[in-house]
C-alpha atoms as a PDB file:
ATOM      1  CA  MET A   1      -6.136 -26.740 -13.957  1.00  0.00           C
ATOM      2  CA  PRO A   2      -7.304 -30.266 -14.526  1.00  0.00           C
ATOM      3  CA  LYS A   3      -5.034 -33.118 -13.711  1.00  0.00           C
ATOM      4  CA  LEU A   4      -3.441 -35.274 -16.334  1.00  0.00           C
ATOM      5  CA  GLY A   5      -5.951 -37.823 -15.744  1.00  0.00           C
ATOM      6  CA  ASP A   6      -8.495 -35.437 -16.674  1.00  0.00           C
ATOM      7  CA  LEU A   7      -7.073 -34.449 -19.825  1.00  0.00           C
ATOM      8  CA  ASP A   8     -10.376 -35.426 -21.703  1.00  0.00           C
ATOM      9  CA  ASN A   9     -12.361 -33.420 -19.527  1.00  0.00           C
ATOM     10  CA  PHE A  10     -10.062 -30.611 -19.947  1.00  0.00           C
ATOM     11  CA  HIS A  11     -10.061 -30.775 -24.089  1.00  0.00           C
ATOM     12  CA  LEU A  12     -13.913 -30.270 -23.390  1.00  0.00           C
ATOM     13  CA  LEU A  13     -14.193 -27.499 -21.360  1.00  0.00           C
ATOM     14  CA  PHE A  14     -11.108 -25.994 -23.512  1.00  0.00           C
ATOM     15  CA  ASN A  15     -13.154 -26.406 -26.462  1.00  0.00           C
ATOM     16  CA  GLU A  16     -15.936 -24.422 -25.085  1.00  0.00           C
ATOM     17  CA  MET A  17     -13.960 -21.793 -23.955  1.00  0.00           C
ATOM     18  CA  VAL A  18     -12.616 -21.370 -27.760  1.00  0.00           C
ATOM     19  CA  SER A  19     -16.238 -21.363 -29.028  1.00  0.00           C
ATOM     20  CA  LYS A  20     -17.361 -18.803 -26.402  1.00  0.00           C
ATOM     21  CA  HIS A  21     -13.810 -16.504 -27.047  1.00  0.00           C
ATOM     22  CA  LYS A  22     -14.872 -16.539 -30.651  1.00  0.00           C
ATOM     23  CA  GLU A  23     -17.981 -15.285 -29.849  1.00  0.00           C
ATOM     24  CA  PHE A  24     -16.538 -12.492 -27.734  1.00  0.00           C
ATOM     25  CA  LEU A  25     -14.062 -11.458 -29.957  1.00  0.00           C
ATOM     26  CA  THR A  26     -16.114 -11.321 -32.800  1.00  0.00           C
ATOM     27  CA  GLU A  27     -18.687  -8.990 -30.966  1.00  0.00           C
ATOM     28  CA  ASN A  28     -15.697  -6.717 -29.953  1.00  0.00           C
ATOM     29  CA  ARG A  29     -14.463  -6.430 -33.772  1.00  0.00           C
ATOM     30  CA  TYR A  30     -11.505  -8.405 -33.175  1.00  0.00           C
ATOM     31  CA  GLU A  31     -10.116 -12.125 -34.410  1.00  0.00           C
ATOM     32  CA  LEU A  32      -7.574 -14.434 -32.789  1.00  0.00           C
ATOM     33  CA  LYS A  33      -5.611 -15.385 -36.516  1.00  0.00           C
ATOM     34  CA  THR A  34      -1.902 -14.726 -36.291  1.00  0.00           C
ATOM     35  CA  LEU A  35      -0.009 -14.531 -33.165  1.00  0.00           C
ATOM     36  CA  ASP A  36       3.033 -12.361 -32.215  1.00  0.00           C
ATOM     37  CA  THR A  37       3.618 -14.177 -28.790  1.00  0.00           C
ATOM     38  CA  LEU A  38       2.071 -17.282 -27.259  1.00  0.00           C
ATOM     39  CA  TYR A  39       2.489 -18.502 -23.543  1.00  0.00           C
ATOM     40  CA  ILE A  40       1.382 -21.514 -22.225  1.00  0.00           C
ATOM     41  CA  GLY A  41       1.226 -21.643 -18.306  1.00  0.00           C
ATOM     42  CA  GLY A  42      -0.733 -22.073 -15.131  1.00  0.00           C
ATOM     43  CA  GLY A  43      -0.975 -25.384 -13.761  1.00  0.00           C
ATOM     44  CA  THR A  44       1.771 -27.762 -15.237  1.00  0.00           C
ATOM     45  CA  PRO A  45       1.438 -27.851 -19.098  1.00  0.00           C
ATOM     46  CA  SER A  46       4.741 -29.670 -19.361  1.00  0.00           C
ATOM     47  CA  LEU A  47       2.595 -32.599 -17.890  1.00  0.00           C
ATOM     48  CA  TRP A  48       0.297 -32.926 -21.223  1.00  0.00           C
ATOM     49  CA  GLY A  49       3.524 -34.057 -23.096  1.00  0.00           C
ATOM     50  CA  LYS A  50       3.374 -34.973 -26.737  1.00  0.00           C
ATOM     51  CA  SER A  51      -0.544 -35.410 -26.456  1.00  0.00           C
ATOM     52  CA  GLY A  52      -0.966 -31.610 -25.656  1.00  0.00           C
ATOM     53  CA  ALA A  53       1.248 -30.431 -28.343  1.00  0.00           C
ATOM     54  CA  ASP A  54      -0.640 -32.509 -30.833  1.00  0.00           C
ATOM     55  CA  TYR A  55      -3.915 -31.219 -29.341  1.00  0.00           C
ATOM     56  CA  LEU A  56      -2.868 -27.698 -29.769  1.00  0.00           C
ATOM     57  CA  THR A  57      -1.415 -28.161 -33.044  1.00  0.00           C
ATOM     58  CA  ASN A  58      -5.065 -29.676 -34.485  1.00  0.00           C
ATOM     59  CA  LEU A  59      -7.071 -26.772 -32.477  1.00  0.00           C
ATOM     60  CA  PHE A  60      -4.738 -24.272 -34.247  1.00  0.00           C
ATOM     61  CA  LYS A  61      -5.716 -25.840 -37.917  1.00  0.00           C
ATOM     62  CA  GLU A  62      -9.254 -26.172 -36.912  1.00  0.00           C
ATOM     63  CA  GLU A  63      -9.253 -22.305 -35.860  1.00  0.00           C
ATOM     64  CA  GLU A  64      -6.878 -21.213 -38.664  1.00  0.00           C
ATOM     65  CA  ILE A  65      -4.717 -19.862 -36.004  1.00  0.00           C
ATOM     66  CA  ALA A  66      -0.873 -19.344 -37.192  1.00  0.00           C
ATOM     67  CA  LEU A  67       2.239 -18.141 -35.444  1.00  0.00           C
ATOM     68  CA  LYS A  68       4.412 -15.380 -36.847  1.00  0.00           C
ATOM     69  CA  LYS A  69       7.824 -16.405 -37.926  1.00  0.00           C
ATOM     70  CA  ASP A  70       9.352 -14.627 -35.269  1.00  0.00           C
ATOM     71  CA  CYS A  71       6.753 -15.747 -32.640  1.00  0.00           C
ATOM     72  CA  GLU A  72       7.784 -15.778 -28.999  1.00  0.00           C
ATOM     73  CA  PHE A  73       6.197 -19.212 -28.029  1.00  0.00           C
ATOM     74  CA  THR A  74       7.004 -20.153 -24.011  1.00  0.00           C
ATOM     75  CA  LEU A  75       6.057 -23.051 -22.301  1.00  0.00           C
ATOM     76  CA  GLU A  76       6.068 -23.478 -18.398  1.00  0.00           C
ATOM     77  CA  VAL A  77       8.013 -26.293 -17.248  1.00  0.00           C
ATOM     78  CA  ASN A  78       8.437 -27.713 -13.659  1.00  0.00           C
ATOM     79  CA  PRO A  79      11.253 -29.839 -12.560  1.00  0.00           C
ATOM     80  CA  GLY A  80      10.359 -33.520 -12.868  1.00  0.00           C
ATOM     81  CA  THR A  81       7.241 -33.034 -14.893  1.00  0.00           C
ATOM     82  CA  TRP A  82       8.664 -33.398 -18.233  1.00  0.00           C
ATOM     83  CA  SER A  83      10.606 -35.888 -20.529  1.00  0.00           C
ATOM     84  CA  GLU A  84      13.059 -35.301 -23.544  1.00  0.00           C
ATOM     85  CA  GLU A  85      10.322 -36.527 -25.916  1.00  0.00           C
ATOM     86  CA  SER A  86       7.880 -34.102 -24.636  1.00  0.00           C
ATOM     87  CA  ILE A  87      10.241 -31.128 -24.691  1.00  0.00           C
ATOM     88  CA  GLU A  88      10.988 -32.151 -28.146  1.00  0.00           C
ATOM     89  CA  ALA A  89       7.342 -32.512 -29.318  1.00  0.00           C
ATOM     90  CA  TRP A  90       6.725 -29.033 -28.228  1.00  0.00           C
ATOM     91  CA  LYS A  91       9.931 -27.657 -29.883  1.00  0.00           C
ATOM     92  CA  ASN A  92       8.628 -29.300 -33.033  1.00  0.00           C
ATOM     93  CA  ILE A  93       5.497 -27.003 -32.920  1.00  0.00           C
ATOM     94  CA  GLY A  94       7.064 -23.886 -32.607  1.00  0.00           C
ATOM     95  CA  VAL A  95       8.050 -23.452 -28.510  1.00  0.00           C
ATOM     96  CA  THR A  96      11.046 -20.904 -28.730  1.00  0.00           C
ATOM     97  CA  ARG A  97      11.103 -20.496 -25.065  1.00  0.00           C
ATOM     98  CA  PHE A  98      10.762 -22.520 -21.578  1.00  0.00           C
ATOM     99  CA  SER A  99       9.880 -20.710 -18.434  1.00  0.00           C
ATOM    100  CA  LEU A 100      11.371 -23.005 -15.444  1.00  0.00           C
ATOM    101  CA  GLY A 101       9.487 -22.874 -12.169  1.00  0.00           C
ATOM    102  CA  ILE A 102      12.924 -23.536 -10.119  1.00  0.00           C
ATOM    103  CA  GLN A 103      12.140 -21.249  -6.859  1.00  0.00           C
ATOM    104  CA  SER A 104      15.093 -22.423  -4.857  1.00  0.00           C
ATOM    105  CA  LEU A 105      17.958 -24.497  -4.563  1.00  0.00           C
ATOM    106  CA  ARG A 106      17.463 -25.797  -1.115  1.00  0.00           C
ATOM    107  CA  GLN A 107      15.110 -28.872  -0.460  1.00  0.00           C
ATOM    108  CA  ASP A 108      14.020 -27.378   2.818  1.00  0.00           C
ATOM    109  CA  TYR A 109      12.556 -24.552   1.136  1.00  0.00           C
ATOM    110  CA  LEU A 110      11.108 -26.630  -1.682  1.00  0.00           C
ATOM    111  CA  LYS A 111       9.272 -28.739   1.140  1.00  0.00           C
ATOM    112  CA  ILE A 112       8.054 -25.601   2.716  1.00  0.00           C
ATOM    113  CA  LEU A 113       6.737 -24.101  -0.445  1.00  0.00           C
ATOM    114  CA  ASP A 114       5.023 -27.310  -1.094  1.00  0.00           C
ATOM    115  CA  ARG A 115       6.823 -28.149  -4.407  1.00  0.00           C
ATOM    116  CA  VAL A 116       6.744 -31.784  -5.520  1.00  0.00           C
ATOM    117  CA  HIS A 117      10.332 -31.558  -7.416  1.00  0.00           C
ATOM    118  CA  SER A 118      13.728 -32.067  -5.760  1.00  0.00           C
ATOM    119  CA  VAL A 119      16.736 -30.303  -5.797  1.00  0.00           C
ATOM    120  CA  GLU A 120      17.879 -33.353  -8.163  1.00  0.00           C
ATOM    121  CA  ASP A 121      15.250 -32.468 -10.527  1.00  0.00           C
ATOM    122  CA  VAL A 122      16.063 -28.934 -10.606  1.00  0.00           C
ATOM    123  CA  PHE A 123      19.707 -29.446 -11.737  1.00  0.00           C
ATOM    124  CA  ASP A 124      18.884 -32.209 -13.997  1.00  0.00           C
ATOM    125  CA  THR A 125      16.184 -29.667 -15.571  1.00  0.00           C
ATOM    126  CA  LEU A 126      18.792 -26.929 -15.793  1.00  0.00           C
ATOM    127  CA  THR A 127      21.429 -29.348 -17.255  1.00  0.00           C
ATOM    128  CA  TYR A 128      19.204 -30.424 -19.846  1.00  0.00           C
ATOM    129  CA  PHE A 129      18.078 -27.234 -20.894  1.00  0.00           C
ATOM    130  CA  ASN A 130      21.354 -25.676 -20.850  1.00  0.00           C
ATOM    131  CA  LYS A 131      22.720 -28.736 -22.998  1.00  0.00           C
ATOM    132  CA  ILE A 132      20.153 -28.428 -25.706  1.00  0.00           C
ATOM    133  CA  GLY A 133      21.048 -24.636 -26.025  1.00  0.00           C
ATOM    134  CA  ALA A 134      17.353 -23.719 -25.432  1.00  0.00           C
ATOM    135  CA  ALA A 135      16.302 -20.158 -24.409  1.00  0.00           C
ATOM    136  CA  PHE A 136      14.947 -20.483 -20.794  1.00  0.00           C
ATOM    137  CA  SER A 137      13.955 -18.089 -17.813  1.00  0.00           C
ATOM    138  CA  VAL A 138      14.322 -19.112 -14.264  1.00  0.00           C
ATOM    139  CA  ASP A 139      11.316 -18.300 -11.648  1.00  0.00           C
ATOM    140  CA  PHE A 140      12.827 -17.648  -7.885  1.00  0.00           C
ATOM    141  CA  MET A 141      11.380 -16.764  -4.955  1.00  0.00           C
ATOM    142  CA  LEU A 142      12.647 -14.141  -2.361  1.00  0.00           C
ATOM    143  CA  GLY A 143      11.282 -13.356   1.092  1.00  0.00           C
ATOM    144  CA  LEU A 144      10.886 -17.252   1.979  1.00  0.00           C
ATOM    145  CA  PRO A 145       9.739 -18.227   5.776  1.00  0.00           C
ATOM    146  CA  TRP A 146      12.574 -18.403   8.201  1.00  0.00           C
ATOM    147  CA  SER A 147      15.285 -16.660   5.767  1.00  0.00           C
ATOM    148  CA  LEU A 148      17.012 -15.334   8.649  1.00  0.00           C
ATOM    149  CA  SER A 149      17.243 -18.116  10.993  1.00  0.00           C
ATOM    150  CA  LYS A 150      17.899 -20.593   8.221  1.00  0.00           C
ATOM    151  CA  GLU A 151      20.605 -18.738   7.076  1.00  0.00           C
ATOM    152  CA  ARG A 152      19.428 -18.475   3.471  1.00  0.00           C
ATOM    153  CA  ASP A 153      22.287 -17.417   1.192  1.00  0.00           C
ATOM    154  CA  ILE A 154      20.157 -16.237  -1.993  1.00  0.00           C
ATOM    155  CA  LEU A 155      23.347 -15.088  -3.621  1.00  0.00           C
ATOM    156  CA  SER A 156      25.099 -18.351  -3.827  1.00  0.00           C
ATOM    157  CA  GLU A 157      21.713 -19.890  -4.777  1.00  0.00           C
ATOM    158  CA  LEU A 158      21.617 -17.403  -7.731  1.00  0.00           C
ATOM    159  CA  LYS A 159      25.321 -17.851  -8.658  1.00  0.00           C
ATOM    160  CA  GLU A 160      24.735 -21.458  -9.024  1.00  0.00           C
ATOM    161  CA  ILE A 161      21.744 -20.675 -11.421  1.00  0.00           C
ATOM    162  CA  LEU A 162      23.699 -18.228 -13.413  1.00  0.00           C
ATOM    163  CA  SER A 163      26.457 -20.961 -13.995  1.00  0.00           C
ATOM    164  CA  PHE A 164      23.704 -22.260 -16.584  1.00  0.00           C
ATOM    165  CA  ASP A 165      23.271 -19.167 -18.331  1.00  0.00           C
ATOM    166  CA  PRO A 166      19.609 -18.330 -18.165  1.00  0.00           C
ATOM    167  CA  GLU A 167      18.617 -15.470 -20.308  1.00  0.00           C
ATOM    168  CA  HIS A 168      15.866 -14.341 -18.301  1.00  0.00           C
ATOM    169  CA  LEU A 169      15.066 -14.716 -14.510  1.00  0.00           C
ATOM    170  CA  SER A 170      11.791 -13.880 -12.712  1.00  0.00           C
ATOM    171  CA  LEU A 171      12.203 -13.158  -8.935  1.00  0.00           C
ATOM    172  CA  TYR A 172       9.070 -12.908  -6.759  1.00  0.00           C
ATOM    173  CA  ILE A 173       8.652 -11.916  -3.267  1.00  0.00           C
ATOM    174  CA  LEU A 174       6.429 -14.569  -1.521  1.00  0.00           C
ATOM    175  CA  THR A 175       3.006 -13.156  -0.401  1.00  0.00           C
ATOM    176  CA  ALA A 176       1.195 -14.740   2.033  1.00  0.00           C
ATOM    177  CA  LYS A 177      -2.820 -15.391   1.415  1.00  0.00           C
ATOM    178  CA  GLY A 178      -5.285 -15.909   4.048  1.00  0.00           C
ATOM    179  CA  GLY A 179      -4.583 -19.724   5.516  1.00  0.00           C
ATOM    180  CA  TYR A 180      -1.018 -19.437   4.832  1.00  0.00           C
ATOM    181  CA  PRO A 181       0.424 -22.018   7.727  1.00  0.00           C
ATOM    182  CA  HIS A 182       4.244 -19.878   7.925  1.00  0.00           C
ATOM    183  CA  LYS A 183       2.495 -16.532   7.467  1.00  0.00           C
ATOM    184  CA  LYS A 184       4.218 -15.579  11.027  1.00  0.00           C
ATOM    185  CA  ASN A 185       7.673 -16.782   9.984  1.00  0.00           C
ATOM    186  CA  LEU A 186       8.001 -14.717   6.920  1.00  0.00           C
ATOM    187  CA  PRO A 187      10.807 -11.937   7.274  1.00  0.00           C
ATOM    188  CA  GLU A 188      10.367  -8.550   8.178  1.00  0.00           C
ATOM    189  CA  GLU A 189       9.742  -5.641   5.929  1.00  0.00           C
ATOM    190  CA  ASP A 190      13.466  -4.343   6.479  1.00  0.00           C
ATOM    191  CA  PHE A 191      14.884  -7.575   5.628  1.00  0.00           C
ATOM    192  CA  LEU A 192      12.669  -7.950   2.448  1.00  0.00           C
ATOM    193  CA  GLU A 193      14.112  -4.612   0.992  1.00  0.00           C
ATOM    194  CA  GLU A 194      17.663  -5.469   1.768  1.00  0.00           C
ATOM    195  CA  GLU A 195      17.201  -8.898   0.012  1.00  0.00           C
ATOM    196  CA  TYR A 196      15.467  -7.521  -2.912  1.00  0.00           C
ATOM    197  CA  LEU A 197      18.067  -4.755  -3.503  1.00  0.00           C
ATOM    198  CA  LYS A 198      20.915  -7.143  -3.009  1.00  0.00           C
ATOM    199  CA  VAL A 199      19.599  -9.797  -5.594  1.00  0.00           C
ATOM    200  CA  ALA A 200      18.973  -6.651  -7.947  1.00  0.00           C
ATOM    201  CA  GLU A 201      22.488  -5.172  -7.991  1.00  0.00           C
ATOM    202  CA  TYR A 202      23.763  -8.686  -8.074  1.00  0.00           C
ATOM    203  CA  LEU A 203      22.026  -9.834 -11.099  1.00  0.00           C
ATOM    204  CA  LYS A 204      22.911  -6.374 -12.742  1.00  0.00           C
ATOM    205  CA  SER A 205      26.510  -7.206 -12.101  1.00  0.00           C
ATOM    206  CA  PHE A 206      26.561 -10.060 -14.509  1.00  0.00           C
ATOM    207  CA  GLY A 207      24.644  -7.640 -17.166  1.00  0.00           C
ATOM    208  CA  TYR A 208      20.886  -8.600 -16.599  1.00  0.00           C
ATOM    209  CA  LYS A 209      18.495  -5.811 -16.881  1.00  0.00           C
ATOM    210  CA  HIS A 210      16.164  -4.836 -14.345  1.00  0.00           C
ATOM    211  CA  TYR A 211      13.411  -4.136 -16.630  1.00  0.00           C
ATOM    212  CA  GLU A 212      10.289  -4.681 -14.766  1.00  0.00           C
ATOM    213  CA  ILE A 213       9.642  -4.995 -10.789  1.00  0.00           C
ATOM    214  CA  SER A 214      10.373  -8.713 -10.610  1.00  0.00           C
ATOM    215  CA  ASN A 215      12.043  -9.501 -14.021  1.00  0.00           C
ATOM    216  CA  PHE A 216      15.304  -9.384 -15.203  1.00  0.00           C
ATOM    217  CA  ALA A 217      16.705 -10.189 -18.648  1.00  0.00           C
ATOM    218  CA  LYS A 218      19.795 -10.108 -20.751  1.00  0.00           C
ATOM    219  CA  PRO A 219      19.698  -6.986 -23.108  1.00  0.00           C
ATOM    220  CA  GLY A 220      16.976  -8.232 -25.723  1.00  0.00           C
ATOM    221  CA  LYS A 221      15.841 -11.295 -24.217  1.00  0.00           C
ATOM    222  CA  GLU A 222      12.985  -9.501 -22.216  1.00  0.00           C
ATOM    223  CA  SER A 223       9.687 -11.205 -22.417  1.00  0.00           C
ATOM    224  CA  ARG A 224       7.750  -9.816 -25.221  1.00  0.00           C
ATOM    225  CA  HIS A 225       4.342 -11.733 -24.152  1.00  0.00           C
ATOM    226  CA  ASN A 226       4.499 -10.096 -20.496  1.00  0.00           C
ATOM    227  CA  LEU A 227       5.427  -6.642 -22.061  1.00  0.00           C
ATOM    228  CA  ASN A 228       2.346  -6.666 -24.035  1.00  0.00           C
ATOM    229  CA  TYR A 229       0.348  -6.552 -20.630  1.00  0.00           C
ATOM    230  CA  TRP A 230       2.518  -4.213 -18.874  1.00  0.00           C
ATOM    231  CA  LYS A 231       2.236  -1.874 -22.111  1.00  0.00           C
ATOM    232  CA  SER A 232      -1.812  -2.311 -22.063  1.00  0.00           C
ATOM    233  CA  ASN A 233      -1.374  -3.892 -25.206  1.00  0.00           C
ATOM    234  CA  THR A 234      -4.369  -6.538 -26.662  1.00  0.00           C
ATOM    235  CA  VAL A 235      -3.703  -9.960 -25.486  1.00  0.00           C
ATOM    236  CA  GLY A 236      -5.934 -12.863 -25.865  1.00  0.00           C
ATOM    237  CA  ALA A 237      -6.435 -15.579 -23.172  1.00  0.00           C
ATOM    238  CA  LEU A 238      -8.011 -19.017 -22.993  1.00  0.00           C
ATOM    239  CA  GLY A 239      -7.845 -21.566 -19.822  1.00  0.00           C
ATOM    240  CA  PRO A 240      -8.785 -21.718 -16.385  1.00  0.00           C
ATOM    241  CA  SER A 241      -7.750 -18.206 -14.487  1.00  0.00           C
ATOM    242  CA  GLY A 242      -6.561 -16.632 -17.896  1.00  0.00           C
ATOM    243  CA  VAL A 243      -6.467 -13.161 -18.138  1.00  0.00           C
ATOM    244  CA  GLY A 244      -7.056 -11.214 -21.618  1.00  0.00           C
ATOM    245  CA  PHE A 245      -7.379  -7.398 -22.296  1.00  0.00           C
ATOM    246  CA  LEU A 246      -8.989  -5.678 -25.510  1.00  0.00           C
ATOM    247  CA  SER A 247      -7.305  -2.037 -25.449  1.00  0.00           C
ATOM    248  CA  LYS A 248      -9.348  -0.633 -28.429  1.00  0.00           C
ATOM    249  CA  VAL A 249     -12.460  -1.377 -26.403  1.00  0.00           C
ATOM    250  CA  LYS A 250     -10.946  -1.408 -22.829  1.00  0.00           C
ATOM    251  CA  LYS A 251     -12.146  -4.523 -21.845  1.00  0.00           C
ATOM    252  CA  ARG A 252     -10.606  -7.164 -19.357  1.00  0.00           C
ATOM    253  CA  TYR A 253     -11.655 -10.344 -18.925  1.00  0.00           C
ATOM    254  CA  LYS A 254     -10.619 -13.328 -16.525  1.00  0.00           C
ATOM    255  CA  TRP A 255     -11.804 -16.846 -17.092  1.00  0.00           C
ATOM    256  CA  LYS A 256     -13.284 -19.079 -14.277  1.00  0.00           C
ATOM    257  CA  THR A 257     -11.317 -22.218 -12.792  1.00  0.00           C
ATOM    258  CA  SER A 258     -13.680 -24.974 -13.735  1.00  0.00           C
ATOM    259  CA  THR A 259     -16.262 -23.450 -16.199  1.00  0.00           C
ATOM    260  CA  ALA A 260     -16.417 -22.031 -19.602  1.00  0.00           C
ATOM    261  CA  GLU A 261     -17.409 -18.544 -18.468  1.00  0.00           C
ATOM    262  CA  PHE A 262     -15.412 -15.279 -18.022  1.00  0.00           C
ATOM    263  CA  VAL A 263     -15.870 -11.952 -15.808  1.00  0.00           C
ATOM    264  CA  LEU A 264     -15.804  -9.225 -17.813  1.00  0.00           C
ATOM    265  CA  GLU A 265     -14.446  -5.909 -16.718  1.00  0.00           C
ATOM    266  CA  ASP A 266     -15.237  -2.640 -18.772  1.00  0.00           C
ATOM    267  CA  LEU A 267     -12.482  -0.011 -17.760  1.00  0.00           C
ATOM    268  CA  ASP A 268     -13.536   3.928 -18.171  1.00  0.00           C
ATOM    269  CA  GLU A 269     -11.133   6.336 -18.878  1.00  0.00           C
ATOM    270  CA  GLU A 270     -10.011   7.192 -15.443  1.00  0.00           C
ATOM    271  CA  ALA A 271      -9.491   3.394 -14.517  1.00  0.00           C
ATOM    272  CA  MET A 272      -7.362   3.324 -17.739  1.00  0.00           C
ATOM    273  CA  ALA A 273      -5.366   6.509 -17.124  1.00  0.00           C
ATOM    274  CA  LEU A 274      -4.450   5.074 -13.632  1.00  0.00           C
ATOM    275  CA  GLU A 275      -3.556   1.571 -15.184  1.00  0.00           C
ATOM    276  CA  SER A 276      -1.426   3.344 -17.586  1.00  0.00           C
ATOM    277  CA  LEU A 277       0.372   5.390 -14.951  1.00  0.00           C
ATOM    278  CA  TYR A 278       1.101   1.951 -12.903  1.00  0.00           C
ATOM    279  CA  LEU A 279       1.912  -0.201 -15.256  1.00  0.00           C
ATOM    280  CA  GLY A 280       4.530   2.496 -17.066  1.00  0.00           C
ATOM    281  CA  LEU A 281       6.018   2.944 -13.604  1.00  0.00           C
ATOM    282  CA  ARG A 282       6.684  -0.715 -13.337  1.00  0.00           C
ATOM    283  CA  VAL A 283       8.784  -1.204 -16.073  1.00  0.00           C
ATOM    284  CA  ASP A 284      12.293   0.519 -16.807  1.00  0.00           C
ATOM    285  CA  SER A 285      11.139   2.617 -19.702  1.00  0.00           C
ATOM    286  CA  GLY A 286       9.181   4.140 -17.423  1.00  0.00           C
ATOM    287  CA  ILE A 287       6.582   6.960 -18.550  1.00  0.00           C
ATOM    288  CA  ILE A 288       6.708  10.252 -20.641  1.00  0.00           C
ATOM    289  CA  LYS A 289       5.200  12.923 -18.190  1.00  0.00           C
ATOM    290  CA  SER A 290       3.086  14.677 -21.054  1.00  0.00           C
ATOM    291  CA  ASN A 291       1.063  11.269 -21.789  1.00  0.00           C
ATOM    292  CA  HIS A 292      -0.030  11.665 -17.707  1.00  0.00           C
ATOM    293  CA  PHE A 293      -0.237  14.858 -16.597  1.00  0.00           C
ATOM    294  CA  SER A 294      -1.319  18.509 -17.550  1.00  0.00           C
ATOM    295  CA  LYS A 295       1.213  21.448 -17.605  1.00  0.00           C
ATOM    296  CA  LYS A 296      -0.335  22.467 -14.541  1.00  0.00           C
ATOM    297  CA  GLU A 297      -0.085  19.270 -12.773  1.00  0.00           C
ATOM    298  CA  LEU A 298       3.399  19.093 -13.755  1.00  0.00           C
ATOM    299  CA  VAL A 299       4.315  22.258 -11.838  1.00  0.00           C
ATOM    300  CA  THR A 300       3.443  20.844  -8.457  1.00  0.00           C
ATOM    301  CA  LEU A 301       4.836  17.303  -9.672  1.00  0.00           C
ATOM    302  CA  ASN A 302       8.294  18.028 -10.929  1.00  0.00           C
ATOM    303  CA  PRO A 303       9.640  18.942  -7.603  1.00  0.00           C
ATOM    304  CA  VAL A 304       8.301  15.339  -6.143  1.00  0.00           C
ATOM    305  CA  PHE A 305      10.141  13.664  -9.477  1.00  0.00           C
ATOM    306  CA  GLU A 306      13.299  15.665  -8.493  1.00  0.00           C
ATOM    307  CA  LYS A 307      13.193  14.165  -4.798  1.00  0.00           C
ATOM    308  CA  TRP A 308      12.568  10.758  -6.018  1.00  0.00           C
ATOM    309  CA  GLU A 309      15.942  11.466  -8.064  1.00  0.00           C
ATOM    310  CA  LEU A 310      17.899  12.906  -4.976  1.00  0.00           C
ATOM    311  CA  GLU A 311      16.647   9.486  -2.969  1.00  0.00           C
ATOM    312  CA  LYS A 312      17.804   7.289  -5.975  1.00  0.00           C
ATOM    313  CA  LEU A 313      14.211   6.156  -6.593  1.00  0.00           C
ATOM    314  CA  ALA A 314      14.144   7.506 -10.295  1.00  0.00           C
ATOM    315  CA  THR A 315      15.896   8.664 -13.075  1.00  0.00           C
ATOM    316  CA  ASN A 316      14.140  12.370 -13.758  1.00  0.00           C
ATOM    317  CA  THR A 317      14.851  14.174 -16.928  1.00  0.00           C
ATOM    318  CA  ILE A 318      12.274  16.999 -18.410  1.00  0.00           C
ATOM    319  CA  ASP A 319      10.144  14.612 -20.325  1.00  0.00           C
ATOM    320  CA  SER A 320      10.204  11.426 -18.481  1.00  0.00           C
ATOM    321  CA  ILE A 321      10.533   9.503 -15.459  1.00  0.00           C
ATOM    322  CA  GLN A 322      12.176   5.968 -15.053  1.00  0.00           C
ATOM    323  CA  LEU A 323      12.099   4.088 -11.514  1.00  0.00           C
ATOM    324  CA  THR A 324      15.326   2.430 -10.069  1.00  0.00           C
ATOM    325  CA  SER A 325      15.645  -0.917  -8.597  1.00  0.00           C
ATOM    326  CA  LYS A 326      14.966   1.062  -5.342  1.00  0.00           C
ATOM    327  CA  GLY A 327      11.973   2.831  -6.617  1.00  0.00           C
ATOM    328  CA  PHE A 328      10.483  -0.468  -7.835  1.00  0.00           C
ATOM    329  CA  LEU A 329      10.755  -1.718  -4.643  1.00  0.00           C
ATOM    330  CA  VAL A 330       8.321   1.403  -3.259  1.00  0.00           C
ATOM    331  CA  LEU A 331       6.057   1.519  -6.306  1.00  0.00           C
ATOM    332  CA  ASP A 332       2.695   1.588  -4.603  1.00  0.00           C
ATOM    333  CA  GLY A 333       4.039   4.394  -2.184  1.00  0.00           C
ATOM    334  CA  LEU A 334       5.214   6.586  -5.052  1.00  0.00           C
ATOM    335  CA  VAL A 335       1.850   6.188  -7.177  1.00  0.00           C
ATOM    336  CA  GLN A 336       0.323   7.334  -3.728  1.00  0.00           C
ATOM    337  CA  GLN A 337       2.475  10.383  -3.749  1.00  0.00           C
ATOM    338  CA  ILE A 338       1.569  11.159  -7.355  1.00  0.00           C
ATOM    339  CA  PHE A 339      -2.123  11.248  -6.393  1.00  0.00           C
ATOM    340  CA  SER A 340      -1.822  13.264  -3.136  1.00  0.00           C
ATOM    341  CA  HIS A 341      -0.208  15.986  -5.007  1.00  0.00           C
ATOM    342  CA  GLN A 342      -2.708  15.889  -7.665  1.00  0.00           C
ATOM    343  CA  LYS A 343      -5.725  16.971  -5.445  1.00  0.00           C
END
């Protein structure tokens, strides 16, 4: 995402993307008109301030795009990158929900994660959004380097966060890419499993639903926008690295990071079936068995599902299968079991 100083250049790039996106949608008999959900993230959009809100307002007018009355409109905000004037401007154009990139309440870990904000910024942010009564979600990270030797007390951190009453929490396990400098210092698999399950049980004890592998919400406060992705519904996307999906024509597209071009992926029936199964199992509503397996396949698979239930990995009924928190943790392995028994 371009820096704040490059905002004019970003607007030019984005306008070109809008034009190409409209052309792409038209070719596939879609149009971008009335939005059920809208999510502005990636980079640090809260840095755009009032000028960003004004730009979006003008863009929507030009393109005749409207928000539904009950549109879930989320803006990502990182601590230390916002002002009260900016937040008010975004609220005035329809933002109903904020996603706060907290990550940790320890300064040493914020430094390890290469975050520019401080713990003081974190508490200022949580205090402000709690004070104005805004709906907000908190992003938090598990499996951090030296978690054992530094004696990270993650439940203590979460206890402080819960005192600000967020309606939603996203908790991600840190994954190390190629040249990550602290790769050798990441915790072992056993520690990760214990930490993940400990956090899941802790949040559930406070009434949060573990509704997706990495997401917890108060009842009725699940992210509607993200659920559209997990349910393979149509989602439009604009901006660097944005990913969209057209369900009727089974096309996924991802924008490049610095040009107004996107990579297109056409999904065949087999790929869609696999994706539907995987995405269905990663949310707490689970899957309807008859939607994914034949009667013949279920003769072989039902004993597998019964075993999952005995191991507390899933809730298994005649018609459906829903994974538990323990099951979410080993989702890839469970899907592999399904494939091996279908052969």
